[in-house]
PDB file of N, CA and C in Angstrom:
ATOM      1  N   MET A   1       0.841  -1.180   0.000  1.00  0.00           N
ATOM      2  CA  MET A   1       0.000   0.000   0.000  1.00  0.00           C
ATOM      3  C   MET A   1       0.884   1.240   0.000  1.00  0.00           C
ATOM      4  N   GLU A   2       0.576   2.161  -0.892  1.00  0.00           N
ATOM      5  CA  GLU A   2       1.338   3.398  -0.991  1.00  0.00           C
ATOM      6  C   GLU A   2       0.955   4.341   0.145  1.00  0.00           C
ATOM      7  N   ALA A   3       1.940   4.990   0.726  1.00  0.00           N
ATOM      8  CA  ALA A   3       1.694   5.896   1.847  1.00  0.00           C
ATOM      9  C   ALA A   3       0.908   7.128   1.390  1.00  0.00           C
ATOM     10  N   ARG A   4      -0.008   7.582   2.224  1.00  0.00           N
ATOM     11  CA  ARG A   4      -0.759   8.806   1.982  1.00  0.00           C
ATOM     12  C   ARG A   4       0.142   9.994   2.280  1.00  0.00           C
ATOM     13  N   ARG A   5       0.141  10.963   1.370  1.00  0.00           N
ATOM     14  CA  ARG A   5       0.973  12.160   1.518  1.00  0.00           C
ATOM     15  C   ARG A   5       0.177  13.216   2.284  1.00  0.00           C
ATOM     16  N   VAL A   6       0.691  13.583   3.466  1.00  0.00           N
ATOM     17  CA  VAL A   6      -0.014  14.489   4.372  1.00  0.00           C
ATOM     18  C   VAL A   6       0.790  15.769   4.556  1.00  0.00           C
ATOM     19  N   PHE A   7       0.085  16.895   4.513  1.00  0.00           N
ATOM     20  CA  PHE A   7       0.684  18.203   4.772  1.00  0.00           C
ATOM     21  C   PHE A   7      -0.027  18.777   5.991  1.00  0.00           C
ATOM     22  N   ILE A   8       0.724  19.326   6.941  1.00  0.00           N
ATOM     23  CA  ILE A   8       0.142  19.827   8.187  1.00  0.00           C
ATOM     24  C   ILE A   8       0.297  21.341   8.260  1.00  0.00           C
ATOM     25  N   VAL A   9      -0.798  22.018   8.618  1.00  0.00           N
ATOM     26  CA  VAL A   9      -0.798  23.462   8.791  1.00  0.00           C
ATOM     27  C   VAL A   9      -1.106  23.763  10.250  1.00  0.00           C
ATOM     28  N   GLY A  10      -0.249  24.541  10.881  1.00  0.00           N
ATOM     29  CA  GLY A  10      -0.483  24.936  12.266  1.00  0.00           C
ATOM     30  C   GLY A  10       0.797  25.391  12.928  1.00  0.00           C
ATOM     31  N   ALA A  11       0.672  26.382  13.799  1.00  0.00           N
ATOM     32  CA  ALA A  11       1.823  26.921  14.518  1.00  0.00           C
ATOM     33  C   ALA A  11       1.616  26.706  16.013  1.00  0.00           C
ATOM     34  N   SER A  12       1.590  25.443  16.402  1.00  0.00           N
ATOM     35  CA  SER A  12       1.348  25.128  17.804  1.00  0.00           C
ATOM     36  C   SER A  12       2.053  23.833  18.170  1.00  0.00           C
ATOM     37  N   LEU A  13       2.149  23.603  19.437  1.00  0.00           N
ATOM     38  CA  LEU A  13       2.705  22.339  19.917  1.00  0.00           C
ATOM     39  C   LEU A  13       1.831  21.182  19.433  1.00  0.00           C
ATOM     40  N   PHE A  14       0.533  21.415  19.336  1.00  0.00           N
ATOM     41  CA  PHE A  14      -0.395  20.411  18.829  1.00  0.00           C
ATOM     42  C   PHE A  14      -0.010  19.993  17.409  1.00  0.00           C
ATOM     43  N   ALA A  15       0.269  20.963  16.528  1.00  0.00           N
ATOM     44  CA  ALA A  15       0.657  20.657  15.150  1.00  0.00           C
ATOM     45  C   ALA A  15       1.979  19.908  15.103  1.00  0.00           C
ATOM     46  N   GLU A  16       2.930  20.325  15.907  1.00  0.00           N
ATOM     47  CA  GLU A  16       4.235  19.650  15.946  1.00  0.00           C
ATOM     48  C   GLU A  16       4.104  18.214  16.440  1.00  0.00           C
ATOM     49  N   THR A  17       3.337  18.019  17.483  1.00  0.00           N
ATOM     50  CA  THR A  17       3.137  16.686  18.049  1.00  0.00           C
ATOM     51  C   THR A  17       2.416  15.787  17.048  1.00  0.00           C
ATOM     52  N   LEU A  18       1.429  16.337  16.371  1.00  0.00           N
ATOM     53  CA  LEU A  18       0.694  15.585  15.354  1.00  0.00           C
ATOM     54  C   LEU A  18       1.636  15.156  14.222  1.00  0.00           C
ATOM     55  N   ALA A  19       2.478  16.074  13.770  1.00  0.00           N
ATOM     56  CA  ALA A  19       3.432  15.753  12.695  1.00  0.00           C
ATOM     57  C   ALA A  19       4.383  14.642  13.134  1.00  0.00           C
ATOM     58  N   GLN A  20       4.870  14.710  14.355  1.00  0.00           N
ATOM     59  CA  GLN A  20       5.788  13.681  14.858  1.00  0.00           C
ATOM     60  C   GLN A  20       5.087  12.334  14.984  1.00  0.00           C
ATOM     61  N   ALA A  21       3.854  12.337  15.466  1.00  0.00           N
ATOM     62  CA  ALA A  21       3.111  11.086  15.634  1.00  0.00           C
ATOM     63  C   ALA A  21       2.789  10.457  14.276  1.00  0.00           C
ATOM     64  N   LEU A  22       2.362  11.272  13.312  1.00  0.00           N
ATOM     65  CA  LEU A  22       2.021  10.744  11.998  1.00  0.00           C
ATOM     66  C   LEU A  22       3.252  10.251  11.244  1.00  0.00           C
ATOM     67  N   ALA A  23       4.392  10.849  11.497  1.00  0.00           N
ATOM     68  CA  ALA A  23       5.631  10.434  10.833  1.00  0.00           C
ATOM     69  C   ALA A  23       6.017   9.005  11.205  1.00  0.00           C
ATOM     70  N   LYS A  24       5.508   8.511  12.311  1.00  0.00           N
ATOM     71  CA  LYS A  24       5.814   7.152  12.768  1.00  0.00           C
ATOM     72  C   LYS A  24       4.881   6.099  12.172  1.00  0.00           C
ATOM     73  N   VAL A  25       3.847   6.530  11.458  1.00  0.00           N
ATOM     74  CA  VAL A  25       2.870   5.618  10.872  1.00  0.00           C
ATOM     75  C   VAL A  25       3.333   5.226   9.471  1.00  0.00           C
ATOM     76  N   GLU A  26       3.437   3.930   9.224  1.00  0.00           N
ATOM     77  CA  GLU A  26       3.947   3.424   7.947  1.00  0.00           C
ATOM     78  C   GLU A  26       3.141   3.867   6.739  1.00  0.00           C
ATOM     79  N   THR A  27       1.844   3.995   6.889  1.00  0.00           N
ATOM     80  CA  THR A  27       0.980   4.310   5.756  1.00  0.00           C
ATOM     81  C   THR A  27       0.824   5.809   5.511  1.00  0.00           C
ATOM     82  N   ILE A  28       1.579   6.616   6.261  1.00  0.00           N
ATOM     83  CA  ILE A  28       1.507   8.072   6.124  1.00  0.00           C
ATOM     84  C   ILE A  28       2.903   8.640   5.930  1.00  0.00           C
ATOM     85  N   LYS A  29       2.996   9.591   5.006  1.00  0.00           N
ATOM     86  CA  LYS A  29       4.247  10.306   4.796  1.00  0.00           C
ATOM     87  C   LYS A  29       3.958  11.798   4.958  1.00  0.00           C
ATOM     88  N   VAL A  30       4.505  12.404   6.006  1.00  0.00           N
ATOM     89  CA  VAL A  30       4.342  13.839   6.225  1.00  0.00           C
ATOM     90  C   VAL A  30       5.304  14.535   5.260  1.00  0.00           C
ATOM     91  N   ILE A  31       4.737  15.254   4.299  1.00  0.00           N
ATOM     92  CA  ILE A  31       5.569  15.852   3.247  1.00  0.00           C
ATOM     93  C   ILE A  31       5.852  17.332   3.468  1.00  0.00           C
ATOM     94  N   GLY A  32       5.280  17.910   4.512  1.00  0.00           N
ATOM     95  CA  GLY A  32       5.554  19.312   4.795  1.00  0.00           C
ATOM     96  C   GLY A  32       4.684  19.862   5.890  1.00  0.00           C
ATOM     97  N   CYS A  33       5.131  21.012   6.400  1.00  0.00           N
ATOM     98  CA  CYS A  33       4.401  21.714   7.441  1.00  0.00           C
ATOM     99  C   CYS A  33       4.515  23.214   7.181  1.00  0.00           C
ATOM    100  N   ALA A  34       3.489  23.960   7.554  1.00  0.00           N
ATOM    101  CA  ALA A  34       3.501  25.414   7.449  1.00  0.00           C
ATOM    102  C   ALA A  34       2.751  25.982   8.647  1.00  0.00           C
ATOM    103  N   PRO A  35       3.143  27.168   9.106  1.00  0.00           N
ATOM    104  CA  PRO A  35       2.493  27.725  10.292  1.00  0.00           C
ATOM    105  C   PRO A  35       1.085  28.268  10.055  1.00  0.00           C
ATOM    106  N   THR A  36       0.784  28.739   8.828  1.00  0.00           N
ATOM    107  CA  THR A  36      -0.527  29.327   8.557  1.00  0.00           C
ATOM    108  C   THR A  36      -1.062  28.848   7.212  1.00  0.00           C
ATOM    109  N   VAL A  37      -2.364  29.021   7.017  1.00  0.00           N
ATOM    110  CA  VAL A  37      -3.007  28.677   5.762  1.00  0.00           C
ATOM    111  C   VAL A  37      -2.389  29.491   4.625  1.00  0.00           C
ATOM    112  N   GLU A  38      -2.125  30.759   4.890  1.00  0.00           N
ATOM    113  CA  GLU A  38      -1.571  31.634   3.857  1.00  0.00           C
ATOM    114  C   GLU A  38      -0.188  31.168   3.401  1.00  0.00           C
ATOM    115  N   THR A  39       0.662  30.794   4.328  1.00  0.00           N
ATOM    116  CA  THR A  39       2.009  30.353   3.957  1.00  0.00           C
ATOM    117  C   THR A  39       2.013  28.947   3.368  1.00  0.00           C
ATOM    118  N   ALA A  40       0.975  28.200   3.619  1.00  0.00           N
ATOM    119  CA  ALA A  40       0.908  26.825   3.129  1.00  0.00           C
ATOM    120  C   ALA A  40       0.547  26.736   1.646  1.00  0.00           C
ATOM    121  N   ALA A  41      -0.105  27.742   1.099  1.00  0.00           N
ATOM    122  CA  ALA A  41      -0.632  27.667  -0.268  1.00  0.00           C
ATOM    123  C   ALA A  41       0.437  27.285  -1.290  1.00  0.00           C
ATOM    124  N   GLN A  42       1.558  27.966  -1.304  1.00  0.00           N
ATOM    125  CA  GLN A  42       2.617  27.661  -2.276  1.00  0.00           C
ATOM    126  C   GLN A  42       3.217  26.281  -2.019  1.00  0.00           C
ATOM    127  N   MET A  43       3.405  25.931  -0.749  1.00  0.00           N
ATOM    128  CA  MET A  43       3.990  24.637  -0.413  1.00  0.00           C
ATOM    129  C   MET A  43       3.074  23.495  -0.846  1.00  0.00           C
ATOM    130  N   ILE A  44       1.764  23.702  -0.705  1.00  0.00           N
ATOM    131  CA  ILE A  44       0.804  22.684  -1.133  1.00  0.00           C
ATOM    132  C   ILE A  44       0.845  22.551  -2.653  1.00  0.00           C
ATOM    133  N   ARG A  45       0.938  23.668  -3.347  1.00  0.00           N
ATOM    134  CA  ARG A  45       1.028  23.647  -4.810  1.00  0.00           C
ATOM    135  C   ARG A  45       2.257  22.867  -5.259  1.00  0.00           C
ATOM    136  N   ASP A  46       3.364  23.030  -4.552  1.00  0.00           N
ATOM    137  CA  ASP A  46       4.614  22.363  -4.926  1.00  0.00           C
ATOM    138  C   ASP A  46       4.637  20.886  -4.558  1.00  0.00           C
ATOM    139  N   ASN A  47       3.927  20.488  -3.509  1.00  0.00           N
ATOM    140  CA  ASN A  47       4.012  19.118  -2.993  1.00  0.00           C
ATOM    141  C   ASN A  47       2.805  18.233  -3.298  1.00  0.00           C
ATOM    142  N   LEU A  48       1.675  18.822  -3.654  1.00  0.00           N
ATOM    143  CA  LEU A  48       0.448  18.089  -3.990  1.00  0.00           C
ATOM    144  C   LEU A  48       0.144  16.933  -3.038  1.00  0.00           C
ATOM    145  N   PRO A  49      -0.194  17.237  -1.794  1.00  0.00           N
ATOM    146  CA  PRO A  49      -0.515  16.185  -0.827  1.00  0.00           C
ATOM    147  C   PRO A  49      -1.865  15.531  -1.114  1.00  0.00           C
ATOM    148  N   ASP A  50      -2.070  14.366  -0.514  1.00  0.00           N
ATOM    149  CA  ASP A  50      -3.368  13.691  -0.580  1.00  0.00           C
ATOM    150  C   ASP A  50      -4.357  14.344   0.375  1.00  0.00           C
ATOM    151  N   VAL A  51      -3.837  14.834   1.486  1.00  0.00           N
ATOM    152  CA  VAL A  51      -4.684  15.461   2.506  1.00  0.00           C
ATOM    153  C   VAL A  51      -3.897  16.553   3.219  1.00  0.00           C
ATOM    154  N   VAL A  52      -4.605  17.608   3.596  1.00  0.00           N
ATOM    155  CA  VAL A  52      -4.035  18.683   4.403  1.00  0.00           C
ATOM    156  C   VAL A  52      -4.722  18.628   5.756  1.00  0.00           C
ATOM    157  N   ILE A  53      -3.935  18.590   6.810  1.00  0.00           N
ATOM    158  CA  ILE A  53      -4.495  18.624   8.162  1.00  0.00           C
ATOM    159  C   ILE A  53      -4.214  20.002   8.733  1.00  0.00           C
ATOM    160  N   ILE A  54      -5.276  20.693   9.107  1.00  0.00           N
ATOM    161  CA  ILE A  54      -5.127  21.995   9.751  1.00  0.00           C
ATOM    162  C   ILE A  54      -5.313  21.756  11.235  1.00  0.00           C
ATOM    163  N   ALA A  55      -4.190  21.839  11.959  1.00  0.00           N
ATOM    164  CA  ALA A  55      -4.174  21.556  13.393  1.00  0.00           C
ATOM    165  C   ALA A  55      -4.188  22.881  14.136  1.00  0.00           C
ATOM    166  N   GLU A  56      -5.275  23.140  14.811  1.00  0.00           N
ATOM    167  CA  GLU A  56      -5.430  24.426  15.469  1.00  0.00           C
ATOM    168  C   GLU A  56      -6.197  24.282  16.764  1.00  0.00           C
ATOM    169  N   ALA A  57      -6.198  25.368  17.498  1.00  0.00           N
ATOM    170  CA  ALA A  57      -6.996  25.442  18.711  1.00  0.00           C
ATOM    171  C   ALA A  57      -7.928  26.628  18.534  1.00  0.00           C
ATOM    172  N   GLY A  58      -9.207  26.356  18.437  1.00  0.00           N
ATOM    173  CA  GLY A  58     -10.174  27.425  18.247  1.00  0.00           C
ATOM    174  C   GLY A  58     -10.774  27.428  16.864  1.00  0.00           C
ATOM    175  N   GLU A  59     -11.746  28.285  16.674  1.00  0.00           N
ATOM    176  CA  GLU A  59     -12.484  28.362  15.412  1.00  0.00           C
ATOM    177  C   GLU A  59     -11.690  29.084  14.335  1.00  0.00           C
ATOM    178  N   GLN A  60     -11.827  28.626  13.132  1.00  0.00           N
ATOM    179  CA  GLN A  60     -11.243  29.245  11.939  1.00  0.00           C
ATOM    180  C   GLN A  60     -12.405  29.433  10.969  1.00  0.00           C
ATOM    181  N   PRO A  61     -12.546  30.621  10.380  1.00  0.00           N
ATOM    182  CA  PRO A  61     -13.665  30.802   9.440  1.00  0.00           C
ATOM    183  C   PRO A  61     -13.527  29.884   8.231  1.00  0.00           C
ATOM    184  N   PRO A  62     -14.638  29.354   7.725  1.00  0.00           N
ATOM    185  CA  PRO A  62     -14.581  28.443   6.579  1.00  0.00           C
ATOM    186  C   PRO A  62     -13.908  29.054   5.352  1.00  0.00           C
ATOM    187  N   THR A  63     -13.928  30.374   5.236  1.00  0.00           N
ATOM    188  CA  THR A  63     -13.289  31.023   4.090  1.00  0.00           C
ATOM    189  C   THR A  63     -11.784  30.786   4.072  1.00  0.00           C
ATOM    190  N   ALA A  64     -11.206  30.435   5.200  1.00  0.00           N
ATOM    191  CA  ALA A  64      -9.770  30.172   5.260  1.00  0.00           C
ATOM    192  C   ALA A  64      -9.396  28.969   4.401  1.00  0.00           C
ATOM    193  N   TYR A  65     -10.312  28.060   4.200  1.00  0.00           N
ATOM    194  CA  TYR A  65     -10.033  26.858   3.423  1.00  0.00           C
ATOM    195  C   TYR A  65     -10.460  27.009   1.965  1.00  0.00           C
ATOM    196  N   ALA A  66     -11.221  28.054   1.678  1.00  0.00           N
ATOM    197  CA  ALA A  66     -11.770  28.234   0.340  1.00  0.00           C
ATOM    198  C   ALA A  66     -10.678  28.329  -0.717  1.00  0.00           C
ATOM    199  N   GLN A  67      -9.555  28.980  -0.393  1.00  0.00           N
ATOM    200  CA  GLN A  67      -8.494  29.108  -1.397  1.00  0.00           C
ATOM    201  C   GLN A  67      -7.920  27.745  -1.782  1.00  0.00           C
ATOM    202  N   PHE A  68      -7.772  26.844  -0.813  1.00  0.00           N
ATOM    203  CA  PHE A  68      -7.285  25.496  -1.127  1.00  0.00           C
ATOM    204  C   PHE A  68      -8.277  24.764  -2.023  1.00  0.00           C
ATOM    205  N   LEU A  69      -9.539  24.821  -1.653  1.00  0.00           N
ATOM    206  CA  LEU A  69     -10.557  24.094  -2.403  1.00  0.00           C
ATOM    207  C   LEU A  69     -10.768  24.690  -3.786  1.00  0.00           C
ATOM    208  N   ALA A  70     -10.590  26.000  -3.926  1.00  0.00           N
ATOM    209  CA  ALA A  70     -10.710  26.627  -5.241  1.00  0.00           C
ATOM    210  C   ALA A  70      -9.565  26.177  -6.156  1.00  0.00           C
ATOM    211  N   MET A  71      -8.358  26.095  -5.606  1.00  0.00           N
ATOM    212  CA  MET A  71      -7.203  25.685  -6.400  1.00  0.00           C
ATOM    213  C   MET A  71      -7.199  24.179  -6.660  1.00  0.00           C
ATOM    214  N   TYR A  72      -7.615  23.403  -5.668  1.00  0.00           N
ATOM    215  CA  TYR A  72      -7.555  21.940  -5.738  1.00  0.00           C
ATOM    216  C   TYR A  72      -8.882  21.358  -5.271  1.00  0.00           C
ATOM    217  N   PRO A  73      -9.886  21.306  -6.145  1.00  0.00           N
ATOM    218  CA  PRO A  73     -11.209  20.833  -5.720  1.00  0.00           C
ATOM    219  C   PRO A  73     -11.224  19.415  -5.169  1.00  0.00           C
ATOM    220  N   ASP A  74     -10.242  18.594  -5.542  1.00  0.00           N
ATOM    221  CA  ASP A  74     -10.225  17.225  -5.041  1.00  0.00           C
ATOM    222  C   ASP A  74      -9.402  17.076  -3.763  1.00  0.00           C
ATOM    223  N   LEU A  75      -8.882  18.171  -3.238  1.00  0.00           N
ATOM    224  CA  LEU A  75      -8.078  18.132  -2.013  1.00  0.00           C
ATOM    225  C   LEU A  75      -8.980  17.877  -0.810  1.00  0.00           C
ATOM    226  N   ARG A  76      -8.542  16.995   0.045  1.00  0.00           N
ATOM    227  CA  ARG A  76      -9.270  16.726   1.280  1.00  0.00           C
ATOM    228  C   ARG A  76      -8.571  17.470   2.414  1.00  0.00           C
ATOM    229  N   ILE A  77      -9.370  18.130   3.218  1.00  0.00           N
ATOM    230  CA  ILE A  77      -8.844  18.898   4.345  1.00  0.00           C
ATOM    231  C   ILE A  77      -9.449  18.326   5.613  1.00  0.00           C
ATOM    232  N   ILE A  78      -8.598  18.088   6.591  1.00  0.00           N
ATOM    233  CA  ILE A  78      -9.073  17.682   7.915  1.00  0.00           C
ATOM    234  C   ILE A  78      -8.712  18.809   8.864  1.00  0.00           C
ATOM    235  N   ARG A  79      -9.708  19.378   9.485  1.00  0.00           N
ATOM    236  CA  ARG A  79      -9.493  20.442  10.461  1.00  0.00           C
ATOM    237  C   ARG A  79      -9.604  19.819  11.845  1.00  0.00           C
ATOM    238  N   ALA A  80      -8.487  19.756  12.529  1.00  0.00           N
ATOM    239  CA  ALA A  80      -8.455  19.155  13.869  1.00  0.00           C
ATOM    240  C   ALA A  80      -8.383  20.283  14.893  1.00  0.00           C
ATOM    241  N   ASP A  81      -9.377  20.369  15.751  1.00  0.00           N
ATOM    242  CA  ASP A  81      -9.462  21.427  16.760  1.00  0.00           C
ATOM    243  C   ASP A  81      -9.161  20.832  18.128  1.00  0.00           C
ATOM    244  N   LEU A  82      -8.032  21.227  18.682  1.00  0.00           N
ATOM    245  CA  LEU A  82      -7.598  20.708  19.974  1.00  0.00           C
ATOM    246  C   LEU A  82      -8.556  21.113  21.085  1.00  0.00           C
ATOM    247  N   ASN A  83      -9.038  22.348  21.066  1.00  0.00           N
ATOM    248  CA  ASN A  83      -9.931  22.817  22.131  1.00  0.00           C
ATOM    249  C   ASN A  83     -11.252  22.045  22.163  1.00  0.00           C
ATOM    250  N   ALA A  84     -11.793  21.748  20.996  1.00  0.00           N
ATOM    251  CA  ALA A  84     -13.082  21.055  20.925  1.00  0.00           C
ATOM    252  C   ALA A  84     -12.923  19.546  20.919  1.00  0.00           C
ATOM    253  N   ASN A  85     -11.684  19.063  20.809  1.00  0.00           N
ATOM    254  CA  ASN A  85     -11.399  17.629  20.749  1.00  0.00           C
ATOM    255  C   ASN A  85     -12.204  16.951  19.645  1.00  0.00           C
ATOM    256  N   ASN A  86     -12.177  17.579  18.447  1.00  0.00           N
ATOM    257  CA  ASN A  86     -12.851  16.954  17.318  1.00  0.00           C
ATOM    258  C   ASN A  86     -12.132  17.295  16.024  1.00  0.00           C
ATOM    259  N   ALA A  87     -12.515  16.596  14.975  1.00  0.00           N
ATOM    260  CA  ALA A  87     -11.956  16.840  13.651  1.00  0.00           C
ATOM    261  C   ALA A  87     -13.103  16.944  12.663  1.00  0.00           C
ATOM    262  N   GLN A  88     -12.914  17.779  11.656  1.00  0.00           N
ATOM    263  CA  GLN A  88     -13.919  17.998  10.628  1.00  0.00           C
ATOM    264  C   GLN A  88     -13.260  17.748   9.277  1.00  0.00           C
ATOM    265  N   VAL A  89     -13.896  16.942   8.437  1.00  0.00           N
ATOM    266  CA  VAL A  89     -13.387  16.687   7.094  1.00  0.00           C
ATOM    267  C   VAL A  89     -14.084  17.658   6.151  1.00  0.00           C
ATOM    268  N   ILE A  90     -13.281  18.420   5.406  1.00  0.00           N
ATOM    269  CA  ILE A  90     -13.804  19.427   4.490  1.00  0.00           C
ATOM    270  C   ILE A  90     -13.405  19.013   3.078  1.00  0.00           C
ATOM    271  N   THR A  91     -14.381  18.866   2.210  1.00  0.00           N
ATOM    272  CA  THR A  91     -14.098  18.488   0.827  1.00  0.00           C
ATOM    273  C   THR A  91     -14.915  19.364  -0.107  1.00  0.00           C
ATOM    274  N   CYS A  92     -14.516  19.368  -1.342  1.00  0.00           N
ATOM    275  CA  CYS A  92     -15.252  20.058  -2.387  1.00  0.00           C
ATOM    276  C   CYS A  92     -15.522  19.021  -3.464  1.00  0.00           C
ATOM    277  N   ARG A  93     -16.756  18.745  -3.688  1.00  0.00           N
ATOM    278  CA  ARG A  93     -17.098  17.725  -4.683  1.00  0.00           C
ATOM    279  C   ARG A  93     -17.987  18.364  -5.734  1.00  0.00           C
ATOM    280  N   HIS A  94     -17.481  18.469  -6.937  1.00  0.00           N
ATOM    281  CA  HIS A  94     -18.254  19.041  -8.028  1.00  0.00           C
ATOM    282  C   HIS A  94     -19.137  17.966  -8.636  1.00  0.00           C
ATOM    283  N   ILE A  95     -20.402  18.295  -8.784  1.00  0.00           N
ATOM    284  CA  ILE A  95     -21.341  17.380  -9.423  1.00  0.00           C
ATOM    285  C   ILE A  95     -22.142  18.172 -10.448  1.00  0.00           C
ATOM    286  N   GLY A  96     -22.758  17.476 -11.339  1.00  0.00           N
ATOM    287  CA  GLY A  96     -23.635  18.125 -12.304  1.00  0.00           C
ATOM    288  C   GLY A  96     -24.927  18.544 -11.636  1.00  0.00           C
ATOM    289  N   ALA A  97     -25.635  19.440 -12.271  1.00  0.00           N
ATOM    290  CA  ALA A  97     -26.878  19.951 -11.693  1.00  0.00           C
ATOM    291  C   ALA A  97     -28.111  19.202 -12.185  1.00  0.00           C
ATOM    292  N   SER A  98     -27.919  18.115 -12.911  1.00  0.00           N
ATOM    293  CA  SER A  98     -29.082  17.360 -13.380  1.00  0.00           C
ATOM    294  C   SER A  98     -29.709  16.614 -12.208  1.00  0.00           C
ATOM    295  N   MET A  99     -30.957  16.307 -12.346  1.00  0.00           N
ATOM    296  CA  MET A  99     -31.685  15.630 -11.277  1.00  0.00           C
ATOM    297  C   MET A  99     -31.026  14.304 -10.876  1.00  0.00           C
ATOM    298  N   PRO A 100     -30.622  13.437 -11.809  1.00  0.00           N
ATOM    299  CA  PRO A 100     -29.992  12.171 -11.389  1.00  0.00           C
ATOM    300  C   PRO A 100     -28.698  12.396 -10.590  1.00  0.00           C
ATOM    301  N   GLU A 101     -27.911  13.387 -11.004  1.00  0.00           N
ATOM    302  CA  GLU A 101     -26.659  13.640 -10.280  1.00  0.00           C
ATOM    303  C   GLU A 101     -26.915  14.211  -8.891  1.00  0.00           C
ATOM    304  N   LEU A 102     -27.885  15.097  -8.770  1.00  0.00           N
ATOM    305  CA  LEU A 102     -28.244  15.641  -7.458  1.00  0.00           C
ATOM    306  C   LEU A 102     -28.771  14.544  -6.541  1.00  0.00           C
ATOM    307  N   LEU A 103     -29.626  13.687  -7.073  1.00  0.00           N
ATOM    308  CA  LEU A 103     -30.171  12.592  -6.275  1.00  0.00           C
ATOM    309  C   LEU A 103     -29.072  11.629  -5.828  1.00  0.00           C
ATOM    310  N   ALA A 104     -28.123  11.346  -6.712  1.00  0.00           N
ATOM    311  CA  ALA A 104     -27.013  10.460  -6.353  1.00  0.00           C
ATOM    312  C   ALA A 104     -26.158  11.081  -5.254  1.00  0.00           C
ATOM    313  N   ALA A 105     -25.940  12.390  -5.327  1.00  0.00           N
ATOM    314  CA  ALA A 105     -25.152  13.068  -4.290  1.00  0.00           C
ATOM    315  C   ALA A 105     -25.870  13.037  -2.946  1.00  0.00           C
ATOM    316  N   ILE A 106     -27.181  13.228  -2.973  1.00  0.00           N
ATOM    317  CA  ILE A 106     -27.962  13.177  -1.733  1.00  0.00           C
ATOM    318  C   ILE A 106     -27.923  11.775  -1.140  1.00  0.00           C
ATOM    319  N   GLU A 107     -28.057  10.773  -1.976  1.00  0.00           N
ATOM    320  CA  GLU A 107     -28.026   9.375  -1.519  1.00  0.00           C
ATOM    321  C   GLU A 107     -26.673   9.017  -0.909  1.00  0.00           C
ATOM    322  N   ALA A 108     -25.597   9.607  -1.427  1.00  0.00           N
ATOM    323  CA  ALA A 108     -24.243   9.284  -0.961  1.00  0.00           C
ATOM    324  C   ALA A 108     -23.929   9.897   0.400  1.00  0.00           C
ATOM    325  N   LEU A 109     -24.715  10.872   0.818  1.00  0.00           N
ATOM    326  CA  LEU A 109     -24.461  11.527   2.105  1.00  0.00           C
ATOM    327  C   LEU A 109     -24.796  10.583   3.252  1.00  0.00           C
ATOM    328  N   LEU A 110     -24.049  10.705   4.319  1.00  0.00           N
ATOM    329  CA  LEU A 110     -24.349   9.914   5.508  1.00  0.00           C
ATOM    330  C   LEU A 110     -25.652  10.395   6.119  1.00  0.00           C
ATOM    331  N   LYS A 111     -26.423   9.467   6.598  1.00  0.00           N
ATOM    332  CA  LYS A 111     -27.685   9.799   7.238  1.00  0.00           C
ATOM    333  C   LYS A 111     -27.412  10.358   8.624  1.00  0.00           C
ATOM    334  N   ARG A 112     -28.086  11.423   8.958  1.00  0.00           N
ATOM    335  CA  ARG A 112     -27.916  12.029  10.297  1.00  0.00           C
ATOM    336  C   ARG A 112     -28.512  11.103  11.341  1.00  0.00           C
ATOM    337  N   SER A 113     -27.842  11.008  12.452  1.00  0.00           N
ATOM    338  CA  SER A 113     -28.367  10.124  13.510  1.00  0.00           C
ATOM    339  C   SER A 113     -29.109  10.888  14.555  1.00  0.00           C
TER     340      SER A 113
END
């Protein structure tokens, strides 16, 4: 199995610890780190990771991720919030606007519990 290429964004001990922990996992290759979303843009363009993990403490406006998704619609972003002890997967999936495509997208969504 080919290792997943991961890029980490964050300027905290949490981001550093996450990078060190993931570097020990055989199926993951940490290919870079940047302190902020703004500084990460060029590095992501140069390295083309499979996933970007934004490791932060506190809320970040969704517009902060829009530039990544606009440049790389197939990029997967995981926002890990240390304060809330949760992670959010952010993706951009382009679909057609026809009824069958909309229905298929709705069917593919996880059902709320």
